[in-house]
Amino acid sequence: GLAFLIYKVVSNRSPRLKQKTTKATVEVEEVRSATEWA
């Protein structure tokens, strides 16, 4: 029972240790002049 409990705790923690990879989206806005904004 103790070995099974240790196995469950370790196996449940494994996914948490793996880092999720996500793609970051970066918006870059061009520099615009005051005249263009107007």
PDB file of all heavy atoms in Angstrom:
ATOM      1  N   GLY A   1       0.826  -1.217   0.000  1.00  0.00           N
ATOM      2  CA  GLY A   1       0.000   0.000   0.000  1.00  0.00           C
ATOM      3  C   GLY A   1       0.853   1.258   0.000  1.00  0.00           C
ATOM      4  O   GLY A   1       0.573   2.215  -0.722  1.00  0.00           O
ATOM      5  N   LEU A   2       1.916   1.258   0.808  1.00  0.00           N
ATOM      6  CA  LEU A   2       2.821   2.405   0.860  1.00  0.00           C
ATOM      7  C   LEU A   2       3.547   2.585  -0.461  1.00  0.00           C
ATOM      8  O   LEU A   2       3.673   3.708  -0.958  1.00  0.00           O
ATOM      9  CB  LEU A   2       3.828   2.211   2.013  1.00  0.00           C
ATOM     10  CG  LEU A   2       4.761   3.388   2.283  1.00  0.00           C
ATOM     11  CD1 LEU A   2       3.965   4.639   2.625  1.00  0.00           C
ATOM     12  CD2 LEU A   2       5.716   3.047   3.399  1.00  0.00           C
ATOM     13  N   ALA A   3       3.989   1.508  -1.082  1.00  0.00           N
ATOM     14  CA  ALA A   3       4.657   1.582  -2.390  1.00  0.00           C
ATOM     15  C   ALA A   3       3.693   2.115  -3.441  1.00  0.00           C
ATOM     16  O   ALA A   3       4.060   2.952  -4.288  1.00  0.00           O
ATOM     17  CB  ALA A   3       5.198   0.210  -2.785  1.00  0.00           C
ATOM     18  N   PHE A   4       2.431   1.668  -3.415  1.00  0.00           N
ATOM     19  CA  PHE A   4       1.432   2.139  -4.359  1.00  0.00           C
ATOM     20  C   PHE A   4       1.164   3.631  -4.154  1.00  0.00           C
ATOM     21  O   PHE A   4       1.067   4.394  -5.118  1.00  0.00           O
ATOM     22  CB  PHE A   4       0.140   1.331  -4.195  1.00  0.00           C
ATOM     23  CG  PHE A   4      -0.946   1.747  -5.149  1.00  0.00           C
ATOM     24  CD1 PHE A   4      -0.871   1.410  -6.496  1.00  0.00           C
ATOM     25  CD2 PHE A   4      -2.025   2.488  -4.711  1.00  0.00           C
ATOM     26  CE1 PHE A   4      -1.862   1.799  -7.376  1.00  0.00           C
ATOM     27  CE2 PHE A   4      -3.008   2.877  -5.578  1.00  0.00           C
ATOM     28  CZ  PHE A   4      -2.943   2.534  -6.927  1.00  0.00           C
ATOM     29  N   LEU A   5       1.073   4.067  -2.923  1.00  0.00           N
ATOM     30  CA  LEU A   5       0.850   5.480  -2.605  1.00  0.00           C
ATOM     31  C   LEU A   5       2.005   6.342  -3.108  1.00  0.00           C
ATOM     32  O   LEU A   5       1.789   7.383  -3.716  1.00  0.00           O
ATOM     33  CB  LEU A   5       0.655   5.642  -1.093  1.00  0.00           C
ATOM     34  CG  LEU A   5       0.354   7.064  -0.622  1.00  0.00           C
ATOM     35  CD1 LEU A   5      -0.973   7.541  -1.174  1.00  0.00           C
ATOM     36  CD2 LEU A   5       0.347   7.116   0.893  1.00  0.00           C
ATOM     37  N   ILE A   6       3.221   5.887  -2.878  1.00  0.00           N
ATOM     38  CA  ILE A   6       4.402   6.621  -3.367  1.00  0.00           C
ATOM     39  C   ILE A   6       4.385   6.672  -4.889  1.00  0.00           C
ATOM     40  O   ILE A   6       4.646   7.726  -5.484  1.00  0.00           O
ATOM     41  CB  ILE A   6       5.698   5.983  -2.828  1.00  0.00           C
ATOM     42  CG1 ILE A   6       5.807   6.230  -1.323  1.00  0.00           C
ATOM     43  CG2 ILE A   6       6.922   6.541  -3.554  1.00  0.00           C
ATOM     44  CD1 ILE A   6       6.941   5.482  -0.646  1.00  0.00           C
ATOM     45  N   TYR A   7       4.042   5.585  -5.538  1.00  0.00           N
ATOM     46  CA  TYR A   7       3.964   5.551  -7.003  1.00  0.00           C
ATOM     47  C   TYR A   7       2.939   6.569  -7.512  1.00  0.00           C
ATOM     48  O   TYR A   7       3.199   7.307  -8.456  1.00  0.00           O
ATOM     49  CB  TYR A   7       3.583   4.132  -7.467  1.00  0.00           C
ATOM     50  CG  TYR A   7       3.205   4.070  -8.920  1.00  0.00           C
ATOM     51  CD1 TYR A   7       4.175   4.125  -9.916  1.00  0.00           C
ATOM     52  CD2 TYR A   7       1.862   3.986  -9.307  1.00  0.00           C
ATOM     53  CE1 TYR A   7       3.820   4.093 -11.253  1.00  0.00           C
ATOM     54  CE2 TYR A   7       1.509   3.959 -10.639  1.00  0.00           C
ATOM     55  CZ  TYR A   7       2.486   4.013 -11.614  1.00  0.00           C
ATOM     56  OH  TYR A   7       2.136   3.995 -12.935  1.00  0.00           O
ATOM     57  N   LYS A   8       1.767   6.624  -6.918  1.00  0.00           N
ATOM     58  CA  LYS A   8       0.721   7.550  -7.350  1.00  0.00           C
ATOM     59  C   LYS A   8       1.164   9.009  -7.165  1.00  0.00           C
ATOM     60  O   LYS A   8       0.931   9.840  -8.039  1.00  0.00           O
ATOM     61  CB  LYS A   8      -0.578   7.308  -6.569  1.00  0.00           C
ATOM     62  CG  LYS A   8      -1.379   6.173  -7.092  1.00  0.00           C
ATOM     63  CD  LYS A   8      -1.754   6.461  -8.525  1.00  0.00           C
ATOM     64  CE  LYS A   8      -2.956   5.695  -8.946  1.00  0.00           C
ATOM     65  NZ  LYS A   8      -3.313   5.951 -10.323  1.00  0.00           N
ATOM     66  N   VAL A   9       1.777   9.334  -6.062  1.00  0.00           N
ATOM     67  CA  VAL A   9       2.234  10.701  -5.807  1.00  0.00           C
ATOM     68  C   VAL A   9       3.288  11.102  -6.830  1.00  0.00           C
ATOM     69  O   VAL A   9       3.225  12.182  -7.423  1.00  0.00           O
ATOM     70  CB  VAL A   9       2.775  10.851  -4.365  1.00  0.00           C
ATOM     71  CG1 VAL A   9       3.491  12.173  -4.183  1.00  0.00           C
ATOM     72  CG2 VAL A   9       1.639  10.719  -3.367  1.00  0.00           C
ATOM     73  N   VAL A  10       4.235  10.223  -7.085  1.00  0.00           N
ATOM     74  CA  VAL A  10       5.307  10.531  -8.039  1.00  0.00           C
ATOM     75  C   VAL A  10       4.751  10.616  -9.457  1.00  0.00           C
ATOM     76  O   VAL A  10       5.105  11.514 -10.213  1.00  0.00           O
ATOM     77  CB  VAL A  10       6.445   9.490  -7.934  1.00  0.00           C
ATOM     78  CG1 VAL A  10       7.431   9.649  -9.063  1.00  0.00           C
ATOM     79  CG2 VAL A  10       7.138   9.622  -6.594  1.00  0.00           C
ATOM     80  N   SER A  11       3.856   9.710  -9.836  1.00  0.00           N
ATOM     81  CA  SER A  11       3.328   9.729 -11.205  1.00  0.00           C
ATOM     82  C   SER A  11       2.416  10.929 -11.434  1.00  0.00           C
ATOM     83  O   SER A  11       2.353  11.452 -12.536  1.00  0.00           O
ATOM     84  CB  SER A  11       2.591   8.432 -11.518  1.00  0.00           C
ATOM     85  OG  SER A  11       1.421   8.326 -10.730  1.00  0.00           O
ATOM     86  N   ASN A  12       1.721  11.407 -10.422  1.00  0.00           N
ATOM     87  CA  ASN A  12       0.875  12.591 -10.564  1.00  0.00           C
ATOM     88  C   ASN A  12       1.700  13.872 -10.634  1.00  0.00           C
ATOM     89  O   ASN A  12       1.263  14.859 -11.191  1.00  0.00           O
ATOM     90  CB  ASN A  12      -0.129  12.686  -9.419  1.00  0.00           C
ATOM     91  CG  ASN A  12      -1.268  11.709  -9.590  1.00  0.00           C
ATOM     92  OD1 ASN A  12      -1.518  11.227 -10.688  1.00  0.00           O
ATOM     93  ND2 ASN A  12      -1.950  11.412  -8.499  1.00  0.00           N
ATOM     94  N   ARG A  13       2.866  13.866 -10.065  1.00  0.00           N
ATOM     95  CA  ARG A  13       3.698  15.071 -10.063  1.00  0.00           C
ATOM     96  C   ARG A  13       4.470  15.219 -11.367  1.00  0.00           C
ATOM     97  O   ARG A  13       4.847  16.305 -11.727  1.00  0.00           O
ATOM     98  CB  ARG A  13       4.684  15.024  -8.903  1.00  0.00           C
ATOM     99  CG  ARG A  13       3.957  15.128  -7.557  1.00  0.00           C
ATOM    100  CD  ARG A  13       4.897  15.278  -6.449  1.00  0.00           C
ATOM    101  NE  ARG A  13       5.306  16.693  -6.442  1.00  0.00           N
ATOM    102  CZ  ARG A  13       6.239  17.181  -5.689  1.00  0.00           C
ATOM    103  NH1 ARG A  13       6.903  16.399  -4.888  1.00  0.00           N
ATOM    104  NH2 ARG A  13       6.542  18.451  -5.726  1.00  0.00           N
ATOM    105  N   SER A  14       4.702  14.153 -12.070  1.00  0.00           N
ATOM    106  CA  SER A  14       5.496  14.207 -13.295  1.00  0.00           C
ATOM    107  C   SER A  14       4.977  15.226 -14.298  1.00  0.00           C
ATOM    108  O   SER A  14       5.747  16.021 -14.813  1.00  0.00           O
ATOM    109  CB  SER A  14       5.571  12.835 -13.961  1.00  0.00           C
ATOM    110  OG  SER A  14       6.134  11.911 -13.073  1.00  0.00           O
ATOM    111  N   PRO A  15       3.679  15.252 -14.603  1.00  0.00           N
ATOM    112  CA  PRO A  15       3.205  16.229 -15.581  1.00  0.00           C
ATOM    113  C   PRO A  15       3.428  17.669 -15.125  1.00  0.00           C
ATOM    114  O   PRO A  15       3.659  18.545 -15.925  1.00  0.00           O
ATOM    115  CB  PRO A  15       1.709  15.932 -15.711  1.00  0.00           C
ATOM    116  CG  PRO A  15       1.558  14.520 -15.274  1.00  0.00           C
ATOM    117  CD  PRO A  15       2.629  14.319 -14.241  1.00  0.00           C
ATOM    118  N   ARG A  16       3.379  17.903 -13.839  1.00  0.00           N
ATOM    119  CA  ARG A  16       3.604  19.259 -13.338  1.00  0.00           C
ATOM    120  C   ARG A  16       5.045  19.692 -13.532  1.00  0.00           C
ATOM    121  O   ARG A  16       5.317  20.872 -13.668  1.00  0.00           O
ATOM    122  CB  ARG A  16       3.243  19.343 -11.862  1.00  0.00           C
ATOM    123  CG  ARG A  16       1.772  19.272 -11.618  1.00  0.00           C
ATOM    124  CD  ARG A  16       1.484  19.511 -10.154  1.00  0.00           C
ATOM    125  NE  ARG A  16       0.302  18.732  -9.808  1.00  0.00           N
ATOM    126  CZ  ARG A  16       0.081  18.166  -8.659  1.00  0.00           C
ATOM    127  NH1 ARG A  16       0.969  18.266  -7.706  1.00  0.00           N
ATOM    128  NH2 ARG A  16      -1.001  17.499  -8.447  1.00  0.00           N
ATOM    129  N   LEU A  17       5.954  18.747 -13.519  1.00  0.00           N
ATOM    130  CA  LEU A  17       7.350  19.098 -13.679  1.00  0.00           C
ATOM    131  C   LEU A  17       7.686  19.453 -15.121  1.00  0.00           C
ATOM    132  O   LEU A  17       8.605  20.198 -15.384  1.00  0.00           O
ATOM    133  CB  LEU A  17       8.241  17.951 -13.199  1.00  0.00           C
ATOM    134  CG  LEU A  17       8.149  17.617 -11.712  1.00  0.00           C
ATOM    135  CD1 LEU A  17       9.021  16.403 -11.394  1.00  0.00           C
ATOM    136  CD2 LEU A  17       8.562  18.804 -10.869  1.00  0.00           C
ATOM    137  N   LYS A  18       6.911  18.897 -16.050  1.00  0.00           N
ATOM    138  CA  LYS A  18       7.145  19.219 -17.446  1.00  0.00           C
ATOM    139  C   LYS A  18       6.651  20.629 -17.722  1.00  0.00           C
ATOM    140  O   LYS A  18       5.561  21.004 -17.299  1.00  0.00           O
ATOM    141  CB  LYS A  18       6.397  18.243 -18.357  1.00  0.00           C
ATOM    142  CG  LYS A  18       6.901  16.828 -18.267  1.00  0.00           C
ATOM    143  CD  LYS A  18       6.081  15.939 -19.172  1.00  0.00           C
ATOM    144  CE  LYS A  18       6.504  14.493 -19.029  1.00  0.00           C
ATOM    145  NZ  LYS A  18       5.650  13.606 -19.822  1.00  0.00           N
ATOM    146  N   GLN A  19       7.453  21.396 -18.410  1.00  0.00           N
ATOM    147  CA  GLN A  19       7.053  22.762 -18.731  1.00  0.00           C
ATOM    148  C   GLN A  19       6.208  22.749 -19.994  1.00  0.00           C
ATOM    149  O   GLN A  19       6.531  22.075 -20.957  1.00  0.00           O
ATOM    150  CB  GLN A  19       8.264  23.649 -18.936  1.00  0.00           C
ATOM    151  CG  GLN A  19       9.013  23.928 -17.668  1.00  0.00           C
ATOM    152  CD  GLN A  19      10.124  24.933 -17.911  1.00  0.00           C
ATOM    153  OE1 GLN A  19      10.384  25.331 -19.033  1.00  0.00           O
ATOM    154  NE2 GLN A  19      10.762  25.337 -16.846  1.00  0.00           N
ATOM    155  N   LYS A  20       5.146  23.498 -19.928  1.00  0.00           N
ATOM    156  CA  LYS A  20       4.309  23.631 -21.098  1.00  0.00           C
ATOM    157  C   LYS A  20       4.960  24.642 -22.031  1.00  0.00           C
ATOM    158  O   LYS A  20       5.425  25.689 -21.595  1.00  0.00           O
ATOM    159  CB  LYS A  20       2.918  24.123 -20.712  1.00  0.00           C
ATOM    160  CG  LYS A  20       2.139  23.129 -19.899  1.00  0.00           C
ATOM    161  CD  LYS A  20       0.783  23.674 -19.571  1.00  0.00           C
ATOM    162  CE  LYS A  20      -0.007  22.705 -18.725  1.00  0.00           C
ATOM    163  NZ  LYS A  20      -1.323  23.240 -18.383  1.00  0.00           N
ATOM    164  N   THR A  21       4.973  24.321 -23.276  1.00  0.00           N
ATOM    165  CA  THR A  21       5.520  25.258 -24.245  1.00  0.00           C
ATOM    166  C   THR A  21       4.361  25.941 -24.952  1.00  0.00           C
ATOM    167  O   THR A  21       3.431  25.294 -25.425  1.00  0.00           O
ATOM    168  CB  THR A  21       6.415  24.553 -25.283  1.00  0.00           C
ATOM    169  OG1 THR A  21       5.657  23.532 -25.912  1.00  0.00           O
ATOM    170  CG2 THR A  21       7.642  23.946 -24.629  1.00  0.00           C
ATOM    171  N   THR A  22       4.405  27.252 -24.949  1.00  0.00           N
ATOM    172  CA  THR A  22       3.387  28.032 -25.634  1.00  0.00           C
ATOM    173  C   THR A  22       4.070  28.992 -26.579  1.00  0.00           C
ATOM    174  O   THR A  22       5.191  29.432 -26.341  1.00  0.00           O
ATOM    175  CB  THR A  22       2.536  28.837 -24.634  1.00  0.00           C
ATOM    176  OG1 THR A  22       3.389  29.689 -23.877  1.00  0.00           O
ATOM    177  CG2 THR A  22       1.777  27.924 -23.703  1.00  0.00           C
ATOM    178  N   LYS A  23       3.381  29.283 -27.627  1.00  0.00           N
ATOM    179  CA  LYS A  23       3.909  30.242 -28.576  1.00  0.00           C
ATOM    180  C   LYS A  23       3.441  31.630 -28.151  1.00  0.00           C
ATOM    181  O   LYS A  23       2.253  31.866 -27.964  1.00  0.00           O
ATOM    182  CB  LYS A  23       3.412  29.939 -29.985  1.00  0.00           C
ATOM    183  CG  LYS A  23       3.968  28.651 -30.546  1.00  0.00           C
ATOM    184  CD  LYS A  23       3.515  28.458 -31.969  1.00  0.00           C
ATOM    185  CE  LYS A  23       4.096  27.170 -32.528  1.00  0.00           C
ATOM    186  NZ  LYS A  23       3.722  26.959 -33.915  1.00  0.00           N
ATOM    187  N   ALA A  24       4.386  32.510 -27.985  1.00  0.00           N
ATOM    188  CA  ALA A  24       4.060  33.880 -27.610  1.00  0.00           C
ATOM    189  C   ALA A  24       3.771  34.688 -28.867  1.00  0.00           C
ATOM    190  O   ALA A  24       4.460  34.564 -29.870  1.00  0.00           O
ATOM    191  CB  ALA A  24       5.211  34.500 -26.840  1.00  0.00           C
ATOM    192  N   THR A  25       2.740  35.486 -28.780  1.00  0.00           N
ATOM    193  CA  THR A  25       2.401  36.365 -29.883  1.00  0.00           C
ATOM    194  C   THR A  25       2.809  37.774 -29.495  1.00  0.00           C
ATOM    195  O   THR A  25       2.421  38.272 -28.441  1.00  0.00           O
ATOM    196  CB  THR A  25       0.886  36.322 -30.163  1.00  0.00           C
ATOM    197  OG1 THR A  25       0.508  34.974 -30.385  1.00  0.00           O
ATOM    198  CG2 THR A  25       0.540  37.163 -31.364  1.00  0.00           C
ATOM    199  N   VAL A  26       3.579  38.387 -30.327  1.00  0.00           N
ATOM    200  CA  VAL A  26       4.051  39.737 -30.054  1.00  0.00           C
ATOM    201  C   VAL A  26       3.517  40.656 -31.137  1.00  0.00           C
ATOM    202  O   VAL A  26       3.683  40.388 -32.326  1.00  0.00           O
ATOM    203  CB  VAL A  26       5.596  39.800 -30.039  1.00  0.00           C
ATOM    204  CG1 VAL A  26       6.070  41.216 -29.813  1.00  0.00           C
ATOM    205  CG2 VAL A  26       6.136  38.867 -28.977  1.00  0.00           C
ATOM    206  N   GLU A  27       2.839  41.703 -30.703  1.00  0.00           N
ATOM    207  CA  GLU A  27       2.362  42.691 -31.651  1.00  0.00           C
ATOM    208  C   GLU A  27       3.359  43.827 -31.696  1.00  0.00           C
ATOM    209  O   GLU A  27       3.709  44.397 -30.667  1.00  0.00           O
ATOM    210  CB  GLU A  27       1.010  43.253 -31.207  1.00  0.00           C
ATOM    211  CG  GLU A  27      -0.155  42.438 -31.652  1.00  0.00           C
ATOM    212  CD  GLU A  27      -1.471  43.117 -31.345  1.00  0.00           C
ATOM    213  OE1 GLU A  27      -1.608  44.334 -31.603  1.00  0.00           O
ATOM    214  OE2 GLU A  27      -2.344  42.430 -30.829  1.00  0.00           O
ATOM    215  N   VAL A  28       3.790  44.159 -32.875  1.00  0.00           N
ATOM    216  CA  VAL A  28       4.703  45.274 -33.044  1.00  0.00           C
ATOM    217  C   VAL A  28       3.998  46.284 -33.931  1.00  0.00           C
ATOM    218  O   VAL A  28       3.597  45.980 -35.045  1.00  0.00           O
ATOM    219  CB  VAL A  28       6.029  44.829 -33.701  1.00  0.00           C
ATOM    220  CG1 VAL A  28       6.931  46.016 -33.932  1.00  0.00           C
ATOM    221  CG2 VAL A  28       6.700  43.779 -32.850  1.00  0.00           C
ATOM    222  N   GLU A  29       3.823  47.464 -33.389  1.00  0.00           N
ATOM    223  CA  GLU A  29       3.172  48.505 -34.167  1.00  0.00           C
ATOM    224  C   GLU A  29       4.240  49.426 -34.709  1.00  0.00           C
ATOM    225  O   GLU A  29       5.150  49.821 -33.994  1.00  0.00           O
ATOM    226  CB  GLU A  29       2.200  49.283 -33.284  1.00  0.00           C
ATOM    227  CG  GLU A  29       1.379  50.260 -34.091  1.00  0.00           C
ATOM    228  CD  GLU A  29       0.261  50.853 -33.268  1.00  0.00           C
ATOM    229  OE1 GLU A  29      -0.495  50.084 -32.658  1.00  0.00           O
ATOM    230  OE2 GLU A  29       0.175  52.082 -33.237  1.00  0.00           O
ATOM    231  N   GLU A  30       4.102  49.746 -35.960  1.00  0.00           N
ATOM    232  CA  GLU A  30       5.079  50.623 -36.584  1.00  0.00           C
ATOM    233  C   GLU A  30       4.994  52.010 -35.963  1.00  0.00           C
ATOM    234  O   GLU A  30       3.955  52.406 -35.439  1.00  0.00           O
ATOM    235  CB  GLU A  30       4.831  50.703 -38.086  1.00  0.00           C
ATOM    236  CG  GLU A  30       3.471  51.323 -38.419  1.00  0.00           C
ATOM    237  CD  GLU A  30       3.138  51.280 -39.886  1.00  0.00           C
ATOM    238  OE1 GLU A  30       2.852  50.195 -40.377  1.00  0.00           O
ATOM    239  OE2 GLU A  30       3.149  52.355 -40.510  1.00  0.00           O
ATOM    240  N   VAL A  31       6.079  52.712 -35.999  1.00  0.00           N
ATOM    241  CA  VAL A  31       6.097  54.079 -35.494  1.00  0.00           C
ATOM    242  C   VAL A  31       5.378  54.950 -36.514  1.00  0.00           C
ATOM    243  O   VAL A  31       5.692  54.918 -37.706  1.00  0.00           O
ATOM    244  CB  VAL A  31       7.551  54.566 -35.274  1.00  0.00           C
ATOM    245  CG1 VAL A  31       7.559  56.010 -34.848  1.00  0.00           C
ATOM    246  CG2 VAL A  31       8.241  53.687 -34.250  1.00  0.00           C
ATOM    247  N   ARG A  32       4.412  55.685 -36.048  1.00  0.00           N
ATOM    248  CA  ARG A  32       3.619  56.526 -36.933  1.00  0.00           C
ATOM    249  C   ARG A  32       3.760  57.974 -36.522  1.00  0.00           C
ATOM    250  O   ARG A  32       3.905  58.285 -35.346  1.00  0.00           O
ATOM    251  CB  ARG A  32       2.159  56.094 -36.871  1.00  0.00           C
ATOM    252  CG  ARG A  32       2.013  54.614 -37.253  1.00  0.00           C
ATOM    253  CD  ARG A  32       0.600  54.142 -37.251  1.00  0.00           C
ATOM    254  NE  ARG A  32      -0.099  54.794 -38.343  1.00  0.00           N
ATOM    255  CZ  ARG A  32      -1.396  55.054 -38.321  1.00  0.00           C
ATOM    256  NH1 ARG A  32      -2.122  54.711 -37.289  1.00  0.00           N
ATOM    257  NH2 ARG A  32      -1.973  55.645 -39.337  1.00  0.00           N
ATOM    258  N   SER A  33       3.662  58.829 -37.484  1.00  0.00           N
ATOM    259  CA  SER A  33       3.785  60.259 -37.217  1.00  0.00           C
ATOM    260  C   SER A  33       2.470  60.816 -36.682  1.00  0.00           C
ATOM    261  O   SER A  33       1.403  60.205 -36.837  1.00  0.00           O
ATOM    262  CB  SER A  33       4.176  61.004 -38.498  1.00  0.00           C
ATOM    263  OG  SER A  33       3.085  61.014 -39.399  1.00  0.00           O
ATOM    264  N   ALA A  34       2.557  61.994 -36.094  1.00  0.00           N
ATOM    265  CA  ALA A  34       1.361  62.668 -35.596  1.00  0.00           C
ATOM    266  C   ALA A  34       0.394  62.947 -36.737  1.00  0.00           C
ATOM    267  O   ALA A  34      -0.829  62.827 -36.576  1.00  0.00           O
ATOM    268  CB  ALA A  34       1.760  63.962 -34.897  1.00  0.00           C
ATOM    269  N   THR A  35       0.920  63.270 -37.895  1.00  0.00           N
ATOM    270  CA  THR A  35       0.078  63.550 -39.060  1.00  0.00           C
ATOM    271  C   THR A  35      -0.703  62.305 -39.484  1.00  0.00           C
ATOM    272  O   THR A  35      -1.887  62.394 -39.832  1.00  0.00           O
ATOM    273  CB  THR A  35       0.941  64.057 -40.235  1.00  0.00           C
ATOM    274  OG1 THR A  35       1.688  65.189 -39.781  1.00  0.00           O
ATOM    275  CG2 THR A  35       0.108  64.438 -41.422  1.00  0.00           C
ATOM    276  N   GLU A  36      -0.056  61.156 -39.431  1.00  0.00           N
ATOM    277  CA  GLU A  36      -0.747  59.912 -39.777  1.00  0.00           C
ATOM    278  C   GLU A  36      -1.859  59.603 -38.777  1.00  0.00           C
ATOM    279  O   GLU A  36      -2.961  59.179 -39.160  1.00  0.00           O
ATOM    280  CB  GLU A  36       0.243  58.753 -39.848  1.00  0.00           C
ATOM    281  CG  GLU A  36       1.196  58.850 -41.023  1.00  0.00           C
ATOM    282  CD  GLU A  36       2.328  57.852 -40.954  1.00  0.00           C
ATOM    283  OE1 GLU A  36       2.922  57.677 -39.864  1.00  0.00           O
ATOM    284  OE2 GLU A  36       2.615  57.243 -42.004  1.00  0.00           O
ATOM    285  N   TRP A  37      -1.582  59.830 -37.495  1.00  0.00           N
ATOM    286  CA  TRP A  37      -2.621  59.612 -36.481  1.00  0.00           C
ATOM    287  C   TRP A  37      -3.778  60.578 -36.694  1.00  0.00           C
ATOM    288  O   TRP A  37      -4.948  60.196 -36.563  1.00  0.00           O
ATOM    289  CB  TRP A  37      -2.058  59.773 -35.065  1.00  0.00           C
ATOM    290  CG  TRP A  37      -1.234  58.621 -34.617  1.00  0.00           C
ATOM    291  CD1 TRP A  37       0.100  58.624 -34.327  1.00  0.00           C
ATOM    292  CD2 TRP A  37      -1.672  57.284 -34.395  1.00  0.00           C
ATOM    293  NE1 TRP A  37       0.504  57.365 -33.949  1.00  0.00           N
ATOM    294  CE2 TRP A  37      -0.557  56.516 -33.978  1.00  0.00           C
ATOM    295  CE3 TRP A  37      -2.901  56.635 -34.512  1.00  0.00           C
ATOM    296  CZ2 TRP A  37      -0.636  55.164 -33.673  1.00  0.00           C
ATOM    297  CZ3 TRP A  37      -2.981  55.279 -34.212  1.00  0.00           C
ATOM    298  CH2 TRP A  37      -1.863  54.563 -33.800  1.00  0.00           C
ATOM    299  N   ALA A  38      -3.475  61.843 -37.032  1.00  0.00           N
ATOM    300  CA  ALA A  38      -4.522  62.842 -37.261  1.00  0.00           C
ATOM    301  C   ALA A  38      -5.384  62.449 -38.462  1.00  0.00           C
ATOM    302  O   ALA A  38      -6.613  62.596 -38.431  1.00  0.00           O
ATOM    303  CB  ALA A  38      -3.898  64.212 -37.472  1.00  0.00           C
TER     304      ALA A  38
END
